[in-house]
Amino acid sequence: MDLKEIQRLIREGKYEFSFHAQQERLEENLDIQEIEEAVVSQGEILEEYPDDPRGESCLVLGFARAHPIHVVLGWTARKRDDQKVLRVITVYSPTLPKWTDPRTRGR
């Protein structure tokens, strides 16, 4: 997945949240603006999942107000205006034990 394209689509509001991502966002107490800021201003792709059974996706690390946020993004199967739709699959704050720091998976 192309980070510049992802950032452009988010800036233009051309994306959607999965039901799961919406639940996680609320549980993590993350505002939509924080998620957008994390991806658009400082986002970096940490992992890519080209063979994801749900479709190509990636894990993006970004920061909002110095707080790390992980956002898993992918393409939906459906199209809007003959273009694939970007979907936020899940979103969370990376924490122990799963993550030793925002960029490193735990053991």
C-alpha atoms as a PDB file:
ATOM      1  CA  MET A   1       0.000   0.000   0.000  1.00  0.00           C
ATOM      2  CA  ASP A   2       1.169   3.502  -0.743  1.00  0.00           C
ATOM      3  CA  LEU A   3       1.443   5.821   2.273  1.00  0.00           C
ATOM      4  CA  LYS A   4       1.045   8.988   0.210  1.00  0.00           C
ATOM      5  CA  GLU A   5      -2.205   7.664  -1.271  1.00  0.00           C
ATOM      6  CA  ILE A   6      -3.473   6.660   2.176  1.00  0.00           C
ATOM      7  CA  GLN A   7      -2.658  10.118   3.558  1.00  0.00           C
ATOM      8  CA  ARG A   8      -4.357  11.835   0.622  1.00  0.00           C
ATOM      9  CA  LEU A   9      -7.538   9.789   1.031  1.00  0.00           C
ATOM     10  CA  ILE A  10      -7.664  10.497   4.760  1.00  0.00           C
ATOM     11  CA  ARG A  11      -7.089  14.236   4.223  1.00  0.00           C
ATOM     12  CA  GLU A  12      -9.956  14.197   1.708  1.00  0.00           C
ATOM     13  CA  GLY A  13     -12.222  12.216   4.074  1.00  0.00           C
ATOM     14  CA  LYS A  14     -12.425   9.338   1.589  1.00  0.00           C
ATOM     15  CA  TYR A  15     -12.262   6.461   4.027  1.00  0.00           C
ATOM     16  CA  GLU A  16     -14.482   4.572   6.437  1.00  0.00           C
ATOM     17  CA  PHE A  17     -14.215   2.804   9.776  1.00  0.00           C
ATOM     18  CA  SER A  18     -15.072  -0.864  10.153  1.00  0.00           C
ATOM     19  CA  PHE A  19     -17.467  -1.693  12.977  1.00  0.00           C
ATOM     20  CA  HIS A  20     -14.524  -3.240  14.853  1.00  0.00           C
ATOM     21  CA  ALA A  21     -12.363  -0.124  14.403  1.00  0.00           C
ATOM     22  CA  GLN A  22     -15.190   2.055  15.661  1.00  0.00           C
ATOM     23  CA  GLN A  23     -15.488  -0.110  18.797  1.00  0.00           C
ATOM     24  CA  GLU A  24     -11.723  -0.085  19.372  1.00  0.00           C
ATOM     25  CA  ARG A  25     -11.560   3.678  18.851  1.00  0.00           C
ATOM     26  CA  LEU A  26     -14.179   4.213  21.538  1.00  0.00           C
ATOM     27  CA  GLU A  27     -12.554   1.725  23.955  1.00  0.00           C
ATOM     28  CA  GLU A  28      -9.166   3.396  23.443  1.00  0.00           C
ATOM     29  CA  ASN A  29     -10.791   6.828  23.841  1.00  0.00           C
ATOM     30  CA  LEU A  30      -9.357   8.053  20.525  1.00  0.00           C
ATOM     31  CA  ASP A  31     -10.935  10.903  18.575  1.00  0.00           C
ATOM     32  CA  ILE A  32     -11.274  10.603  14.818  1.00  0.00           C
ATOM     33  CA  GLN A  33      -9.160  13.767  14.509  1.00  0.00           C
ATOM     34  CA  GLU A  34      -6.353  12.120  16.508  1.00  0.00           C
ATOM     35  CA  ILE A  35      -6.375   9.114  14.190  1.00  0.00           C
ATOM     36  CA  GLU A  36      -6.352  11.330  11.108  1.00  0.00           C
ATOM     37  CA  GLU A  37      -3.496  13.414  12.551  1.00  0.00           C
ATOM     38  CA  ALA A  38      -1.491  10.293  13.411  1.00  0.00           C
ATOM     39  CA  VAL A  39      -1.680   8.918   9.872  1.00  0.00           C
ATOM     40  CA  VAL A  40      -1.469  12.153   7.895  1.00  0.00           C
ATOM     41  CA  SER A  41       1.162  14.141   9.782  1.00  0.00           C
ATOM     42  CA  GLN A  42       3.632  11.523  10.986  1.00  0.00           C
ATOM     43  CA  GLY A  43       2.442   8.203   9.619  1.00  0.00           C
ATOM     44  CA  GLU A  44       4.867   5.460   8.675  1.00  0.00           C
ATOM     45  CA  ILE A  45       4.076   1.974   7.446  1.00  0.00           C
ATOM     46  CA  LEU A  46       5.449  -0.556   9.956  1.00  0.00           C
ATOM     47  CA  GLU A  47       4.114  -3.744   8.389  1.00  0.00           C
ATOM     48  CA  GLU A  48       2.447  -4.682   5.127  1.00  0.00           C
ATOM     49  CA  TYR A  49       0.051  -7.585   4.695  1.00  0.00           C
ATOM     50  CA  PRO A  50      -0.277  -8.173   0.933  1.00  0.00           C
ATOM     51  CA  ASP A  51      -1.788 -11.645   1.423  1.00  0.00           C
ATOM     52  CA  ASP A  52      -4.379 -10.729   4.057  1.00  0.00           C
ATOM     53  CA  PRO A  53      -7.493 -12.823   3.283  1.00  0.00           C
ATOM     54  CA  ARG A  54      -9.619  -9.673   3.733  1.00  0.00           C
ATOM     55  CA  GLY A  55      -7.527  -7.890   1.103  1.00  0.00           C
ATOM     56  CA  GLU A  56      -4.234  -6.018   1.065  1.00  0.00           C
ATOM     57  CA  SER A  57      -3.658  -4.057   4.276  1.00  0.00           C
ATOM     58  CA  CYS A  58      -0.932  -2.426   6.343  1.00  0.00           C
ATOM     59  CA  LEU A  59      -0.096  -1.278   9.860  1.00  0.00           C
ATOM     60  CA  VAL A  60       0.637   2.437  10.165  1.00  0.00           C
ATOM     61  CA  LEU A  61       2.284   4.036  13.189  1.00  0.00           C
ATOM     62  CA  GLY A  62       1.564   7.668  13.854  1.00  0.00           C
ATOM     63  CA  PHE A  63       1.514  10.092  16.752  1.00  0.00           C
ATOM     64  CA  ALA A  64      -1.151  12.471  17.975  1.00  0.00           C
ATOM     65  CA  ARG A  65      -0.160  14.826  20.782  1.00  0.00           C
ATOM     66  CA  ALA A  66       3.008  12.710  21.288  1.00  0.00           C
ATOM     67  CA  HIS A  67       0.839   9.615  21.857  1.00  0.00           C
ATOM     68  CA  PRO A  68       1.583   6.599  19.589  1.00  0.00           C
ATOM     69  CA  ILE A  69      -1.348   5.164  17.636  1.00  0.00           C
ATOM     70  CA  HIS A  70      -1.423   2.061  15.453  1.00  0.00           C
ATOM     71  CA  VAL A  71      -3.898   2.062  12.571  1.00  0.00           C
ATOM     72  CA  VAL A  72      -4.494  -0.989  10.389  1.00  0.00           C
ATOM     73  CA  LEU A  73      -5.812   0.102   6.997  1.00  0.00           C
ATOM     74  CA  GLY A  74      -6.956  -1.865   3.981  1.00  0.00           C
ATOM     75  CA  TRP A  75      -9.038  -1.749   0.842  1.00  0.00           C
ATOM     76  CA  THR A  76     -12.659  -2.844   0.860  1.00  0.00           C
ATOM     77  CA  ALA A  77     -13.966  -5.219  -1.783  1.00  0.00           C
ATOM     78  CA  ARG A  78     -16.589  -2.712  -2.870  1.00  0.00           C
ATOM     79  CA  LYS A  79     -15.915   0.392  -4.914  1.00  0.00           C
ATOM     80  CA  ARG A  80     -17.117   3.976  -4.758  1.00  0.00           C
ATOM     81  CA  ASP A  81     -16.927   6.012  -7.963  1.00  0.00           C
ATOM     82  CA  ASP A  82     -14.959   3.144  -9.561  1.00  0.00           C
ATOM     83  CA  GLN A  83     -12.291   3.377  -6.859  1.00  0.00           C
ATOM     84  CA  LYS A  84     -11.470   1.036  -3.999  1.00  0.00           C
ATOM     85  CA  VAL A  85     -12.553   2.332  -0.604  1.00  0.00           C
ATOM     86  CA  LEU A  86      -9.951   2.776   2.144  1.00  0.00           C
ATOM     87  CA  ARG A  87     -11.068   1.230   5.420  1.00  0.00           C
ATOM     88  CA  VAL A  88      -9.718   1.575   8.947  1.00  0.00           C
ATOM     89  CA  ILE A  89      -9.753  -2.070  10.057  1.00  0.00           C
ATOM     90  CA  THR A  90      -8.629  -1.482  13.632  1.00  0.00           C
ATOM     91  CA  VAL A  91      -6.946   1.188  15.726  1.00  0.00           C
ATOM     92  CA  TYR A  92      -5.216   0.981  19.104  1.00  0.00           C
ATOM     93  CA  SER A  93      -2.437   2.295  21.318  1.00  0.00           C
ATOM     94  CA  PRO A  94       0.582  -0.051  21.206  1.00  0.00           C
ATOM     95  CA  THR A  95       1.268  -1.347  24.727  1.00  0.00           C
ATOM     96  CA  LEU A  96       3.077  -4.127  26.563  1.00  0.00           C
ATOM     97  CA  PRO A  97       3.203  -7.084  26.261  1.00  0.00           C
ATOM     98  CA  LYS A  98       2.261  -7.040  22.588  1.00  0.00           C
ATOM     99  CA  TRP A  99       4.565  -4.075  21.825  1.00  0.00           C
ATOM    100  CA  THR A 100       7.818  -3.246  23.661  1.00  0.00           C
ATOM    101  CA  ASP A 101       7.784   0.206  22.053  1.00  0.00           C
ATOM    102  CA  PRO A 102       5.664   1.759  19.282  1.00  0.00           C
ATOM    103  CA  ARG A 103       7.799   0.134  16.539  1.00  0.00           C
ATOM    104  CA  THR A 104       8.779  -3.213  18.094  1.00  0.00           C
ATOM    105  CA  ARG A 105       6.594  -6.258  18.701  1.00  0.00           C
ATOM    106  CA  GLY A 106       6.980  -8.002  22.039  1.00  0.00           C
ATOM    107  CA  ARG A 107       8.188 -11.568  22.284  1.00  0.00           C
END
